[in-house]
C-alpha atoms as a PDB file:
ATOM      1  CA  MET A   1      -3.962 -19.124   4.717  1.00  0.00           C
ATOM      2  CA  SER A   2      -5.553 -16.326   6.629  1.00  0.00           C
ATOM      3  CA  LEU A   3      -6.534 -12.716   6.270  1.00  0.00           C
ATOM      4  CA  VAL A   4      -3.580 -11.904   8.495  1.00  0.00           C
ATOM      5  CA  ASN A   5      -1.102 -13.533   6.092  1.00  0.00           C
ATOM      6  CA  ALA A   6      -2.630 -11.856   3.050  1.00  0.00           C
ATOM      7  CA  ARG A   7      -2.466  -8.453   4.751  1.00  0.00           C
ATOM      8  CA  ALA A   8       1.087  -9.095   5.995  1.00  0.00           C
ATOM      9  CA  ALA A   9       2.355  -9.882   2.494  1.00  0.00           C
ATOM     10  CA  PHE A  10       1.289  -6.466   1.196  1.00  0.00           C
ATOM     11  CA  GLU A  11       2.266  -4.585   4.373  1.00  0.00           C
ATOM     12  CA  THR A  12       5.764  -6.063   4.304  1.00  0.00           C
ATOM     13  CA  ALA A  13       6.267  -5.236   0.625  1.00  0.00           C
ATOM     14  CA  ILE A  14       5.195  -1.627   1.136  1.00  0.00           C
ATOM     15  CA  LYS A  15       7.114  -1.014   4.354  1.00  0.00           C
ATOM     16  CA  THR A  16      10.328  -2.637   3.092  1.00  0.00           C
ATOM     17  CA  THR A  17      10.375  -0.882  -0.293  1.00  0.00           C
ATOM     18  CA  VAL A  18       9.499   2.570   1.057  1.00  0.00           C
ATOM     19  CA  ALA A  19      12.086   2.293   3.870  1.00  0.00           C
ATOM     20  CA  ALA A  20      14.775   1.265   1.367  1.00  0.00           C
ATOM     21  CA  ALA A  21      14.000   4.322  -0.780  1.00  0.00           C
ATOM     22  CA  ASP A  22      13.760   6.824   2.106  1.00  0.00           C
ATOM     23  CA  ALA A  23      14.340   5.791   5.724  1.00  0.00           C
ATOM     24  CA  THR A  24      12.821   9.059   7.008  1.00  0.00           C
ATOM     25  CA  VAL A  25       9.318   8.129   5.793  1.00  0.00           C
ATOM     26  CA  THR A  26       6.863   6.696   8.314  1.00  0.00           C
ATOM     27  CA  VAL A  27       4.521   4.014   6.956  1.00  0.00           C
ATOM     28  CA  VAL A  28       1.306   3.530   8.929  1.00  0.00           C
ATOM     29  CA  PHE A  29      -1.344   0.886   8.310  1.00  0.00           C
ATOM     30  CA  ASP A  30      -5.063   1.242   8.966  1.00  0.00           C
ATOM     31  CA  ASN A  31      -4.950  -1.315  11.776  1.00  0.00           C
ATOM     32  CA  MET A  32      -2.361   0.602  13.842  1.00  0.00           C
ATOM     33  CA  PRO A  33      -2.660   3.534  16.237  1.00  0.00           C
ATOM     34  CA  PHE A  34      -1.393   6.727  14.637  1.00  0.00           C
ATOM     35  CA  THR A  35      -0.507  10.269  15.615  1.00  0.00           C
ATOM     36  CA  THR A  36      -0.111  12.757  12.766  1.00  0.00           C
ATOM     37  CA  PRO A  37       3.572  13.732  12.462  1.00  0.00           C
ATOM     38  CA  GLY A  38       4.750  17.332  12.278  1.00  0.00           C
ATOM     39  CA  LYS A  39       4.530  19.562   9.208  1.00  0.00           C
ATOM     40  CA  THR A  40       8.014  18.675   7.981  1.00  0.00           C
ATOM     41  CA  LYS A  41       7.589  14.879   8.085  1.00  0.00           C
ATOM     42  CA  LYS A  42       6.737  12.574   5.182  1.00  0.00           C
ATOM     43  CA  TYR A  43       4.416   9.651   5.765  1.00  0.00           C
ATOM     44  CA  VAL A  44       2.257   7.072   4.002  1.00  0.00           C
ATOM     45  CA  LEU A  45      -1.135   5.917   5.297  1.00  0.00           C
ATOM     46  CA  VAL A  46      -2.092   2.493   3.942  1.00  0.00           C
ATOM     47  CA  SER A  47      -5.593   1.027   4.018  1.00  0.00           C
ATOM     48  CA  ILE A  48      -6.196  -2.594   3.020  1.00  0.00           C
ATOM     49  CA  ASP A  49      -9.844  -3.510   2.489  1.00  0.00           C
ATOM     50  CA  PHE A  50     -11.093  -7.003   1.676  1.00  0.00           C
ATOM     51  CA  ASP A  51     -14.015  -7.469  -0.727  1.00  0.00           C
ATOM     52  CA  GLN A  52     -14.003 -11.260  -0.962  1.00  0.00           C
ATOM     53  CA  ALA A  53     -12.810 -13.987   1.433  1.00  0.00           C
ATOM     54  CA  THR A  54     -13.645 -17.242  -0.355  1.00  0.00           C
ATOM     55  CA  TYR A  55     -14.133 -18.683  -3.786  1.00  0.00           C
ATOM     56  CA  GLN A  56     -17.066 -21.054  -4.149  1.00  0.00           C
ATOM     57  CA  PRO A  57     -16.383 -23.545  -6.939  1.00  0.00           C
ATOM     58  CA  GLN A  58     -18.488 -26.663  -7.097  1.00  0.00           C
ATOM     59  CA  GLY A  59     -17.578 -28.518  -3.928  1.00  0.00           C
ATOM     60  CA  ALA A  60     -15.709 -27.125  -0.927  1.00  0.00           C
ATOM     61  CA  SER A  61     -14.891 -23.447  -0.780  1.00  0.00           C
ATOM     62  CA  GLN A  62     -11.336 -22.262  -1.299  1.00  0.00           C
ATOM     63  CA  ALA A  63      -9.522 -19.436   0.440  1.00  0.00           C
ATOM     64  CA  TYR A  64      -9.356 -16.592  -2.071  1.00  0.00           C
ATOM     65  CA  TYR A  65      -9.056 -12.985  -1.013  1.00  0.00           C
ATOM     66  CA  SER A  66      -9.543  -9.890  -3.091  1.00  0.00           C
ATOM     67  CA  GLY A  67      -9.797  -6.244  -2.222  1.00  0.00           C
ATOM     68  CA  ARG A  68      -8.303  -2.809  -2.571  1.00  0.00           C
ATOM     69  CA  ILE A  69      -5.154  -1.158  -1.250  1.00  0.00           C
ATOM     70  CA  SER A  70      -5.254   2.634  -0.899  1.00  0.00           C
ATOM     71  CA  CYS A  71      -2.164   4.640  -0.017  1.00  0.00           C
ATOM     72  CA  GLY A  72      -2.251   8.287   1.042  1.00  0.00           C
ATOM     73  CA  ILE A  73       1.193   9.814   0.520  1.00  0.00           C
ATOM     74  CA  PHE A  74       1.836  12.950   2.567  1.00  0.00           C
ATOM     75  CA  THR A  75       4.776  15.281   1.961  1.00  0.00           C
ATOM     76  CA  PRO A  76       5.382  18.770   3.378  1.00  0.00           C
ATOM     77  CA  SER A  77       3.257  21.411   1.681  1.00  0.00           C
ATOM     78  CA  ASN A  78       4.707  24.264  -0.399  1.00  0.00           C
ATOM     79  CA  LYS A  79       7.784  22.252  -1.384  1.00  0.00           C
ATOM     80  CA  GLY A  80       6.722  21.299  -4.901  1.00  0.00           C
ATOM     81  CA  SER A  81       5.619  17.920  -6.172  1.00  0.00           C
ATOM     82  CA  ALA A  82       9.034  16.243  -6.582  1.00  0.00           C
ATOM     83  CA  ALA A  83       9.062  14.669  -3.088  1.00  0.00           C
ATOM     84  CA  SER A  84       5.497  13.470  -3.543  1.00  0.00           C
ATOM     85  CA  SER A  85       6.241  11.998  -6.973  1.00  0.00           C
ATOM     86  CA  SER A  86       9.335  10.219  -5.673  1.00  0.00           C
ATOM     87  CA  LEU A  87       7.496   8.743  -2.702  1.00  0.00           C
ATOM     88  CA  SER A  88       4.551   7.776  -4.928  1.00  0.00           C
ATOM     89  CA  GLN A  89       6.964   5.898  -7.201  1.00  0.00           C
ATOM     90  CA  SER A  90       8.317   4.009  -4.173  1.00  0.00           C
ATOM     91  CA  VAL A  91       4.772   2.967  -3.242  1.00  0.00           C
ATOM     92  CA  ILE A  92       4.072   1.858  -6.826  1.00  0.00           C
ATOM     93  CA  ASN A  93       7.342  -0.119  -6.847  1.00  0.00           C
ATOM     94  CA  ALA A  94       6.313  -1.785  -3.581  1.00  0.00           C
ATOM     95  CA  LEU A  95       2.914  -2.779  -4.924  1.00  0.00           C
ATOM     96  CA  ILE A  96       4.257  -4.282  -8.152  1.00  0.00           C
ATOM     97  CA  SER A  97       7.094  -6.057  -6.333  1.00  0.00           C
ATOM     98  CA  VAL A  98       4.721  -8.888  -5.333  1.00  0.00           C
ATOM     99  CA  ASN A  99       4.094  -9.618  -9.028  1.00  0.00           C
ATOM    100  CA  ALA A 100       7.797 -10.035  -9.839  1.00  0.00           C
ATOM    101  CA  SER A 101       9.028 -13.486 -10.844  1.00  0.00           C
ATOM    102  CA  ASN A 102      11.713 -13.322  -8.137  1.00  0.00           C
ATOM    103  CA  TYR A 103       9.251 -12.393  -5.323  1.00  0.00           C
ATOM    104  CA  THR A 104       9.663 -14.638  -2.269  1.00  0.00           C
ATOM    105  CA  ASP A 105       6.210 -15.571  -1.002  1.00  0.00           C
ATOM    106  CA  SER A 106       7.080 -16.029   2.684  1.00  0.00           C
ATOM    107  CA  TYR A 107       3.390 -15.815   3.678  1.00  0.00           C
ATOM    108  CA  SER A 108       2.205 -18.550   1.254  1.00  0.00           C
ATOM    109  CA  VAL A 109      -0.644 -16.471  -0.173  1.00  0.00           C
ATOM    110  CA  SER A 110       0.401 -15.801  -3.790  1.00  0.00           C
ATOM    111  CA  PRO A 111      -0.256 -12.042  -3.532  1.00  0.00           C
ATOM    112  CA  ARG A 112      -0.905 -10.151  -6.771  1.00  0.00           C
ATOM    113  CA  VAL A 113      -1.903  -6.614  -7.618  1.00  0.00           C
ATOM    114  CA  SER A 114      -3.847  -5.488 -10.669  1.00  0.00           C
ATOM    115  CA  GLU A 115      -4.070  -2.085 -12.310  1.00  0.00           C
ATOM    116  CA  ILE A 116      -2.568   0.683 -10.202  1.00  0.00           C
ATOM    117  CA  SER A 117      -4.341   4.044 -10.143  1.00  0.00           C
ATOM    118  CA  GLY A 118      -2.483   7.257  -9.478  1.00  0.00           C
ATOM    119  CA  PRO A 119      -0.732   9.049  -8.275  1.00  0.00           C
ATOM    120  CA  SER A 120      -3.486  11.610  -7.959  1.00  0.00           C
ATOM    121  CA  PHE A 121      -2.336  14.868  -6.420  1.00  0.00           C
ATOM    122  CA  THR A 122      -4.257  17.182  -4.112  1.00  0.00           C
ATOM    123  CA  ASP A 123      -2.858  20.459  -2.882  1.00  0.00           C
ATOM    124  CA  ASN A 124      -4.743  22.702  -0.502  1.00  0.00           C
ATOM    125  CA  GLU A 125      -2.963  25.762   0.824  1.00  0.00           C
ATOM    126  CA  ASN A 126      -4.714  25.344   4.180  1.00  0.00           C
ATOM    127  CA  ASN A 127      -3.235  21.867   4.791  1.00  0.00           C
ATOM    128  CA  SER A 128       0.183  21.182   6.251  1.00  0.00           C
ATOM    129  CA  HIS A 129       0.873  18.382   3.759  1.00  0.00           C
ATOM    130  CA  TYR A 130       0.615  17.789   0.031  1.00  0.00           C
ATOM    131  CA  LEU A 131      -1.432  14.640  -0.605  1.00  0.00           C
ATOM    132  CA  SER A 132      -0.973  12.033  -3.330  1.00  0.00           C
ATOM    133  CA  THR A 133      -2.996   8.868  -3.606  1.00  0.00           C
ATOM    134  CA  VAL A 134      -2.080   5.544  -5.161  1.00  0.00           C
ATOM    135  CA  SER A 135      -4.447   2.586  -5.138  1.00  0.00           C
ATOM    136  CA  CYS A 136      -4.897  -0.837  -6.684  1.00  0.00           C
ATOM    137  CA  THR A 137      -6.928  -3.998  -6.476  1.00  0.00           C
ATOM    138  CA  PHE A 138      -5.346  -7.195  -5.209  1.00  0.00           C
ATOM    139  CA  THR A 139      -5.832 -10.946  -4.912  1.00  0.00           C
ATOM    140  CA  ALA A 140      -4.306 -13.591  -2.682  1.00  0.00           C
ATOM    141  CA  ASN A 141      -4.996 -17.310  -2.488  1.00  0.00           C
ATOM    142  CA  ALA A 142      -3.754 -20.559  -1.047  1.00  0.00           C
END
């Protein structure tokens, strides 16, 4: 198992679920180059941060990753909160999809998410987009 596989499991779940719900949404991850889309575009910025990389039981260490996933959900400003709520629900669905009994673990990391926070909404009339945030803690292990 590697950090790459753990990250890929969550990235794939988010990208696949959001695209299935709305193909016009761009999903960008913190390890990719990014140019802010125009005022009328919807997009999700995903940051995956690792807090722990091993578990140290008595004896040899085991690969065990934990951390936090933060998703910034951007929808056009002055359009109401319905688009933001809908896109936030897609992100939540993506995050919990790895916990489902029928989830196919193609990365062999047993990804799991814990409590999901949000969506929290922020509207500023000076910004081109309405911002919602959804975040959760996660684990992955071999």
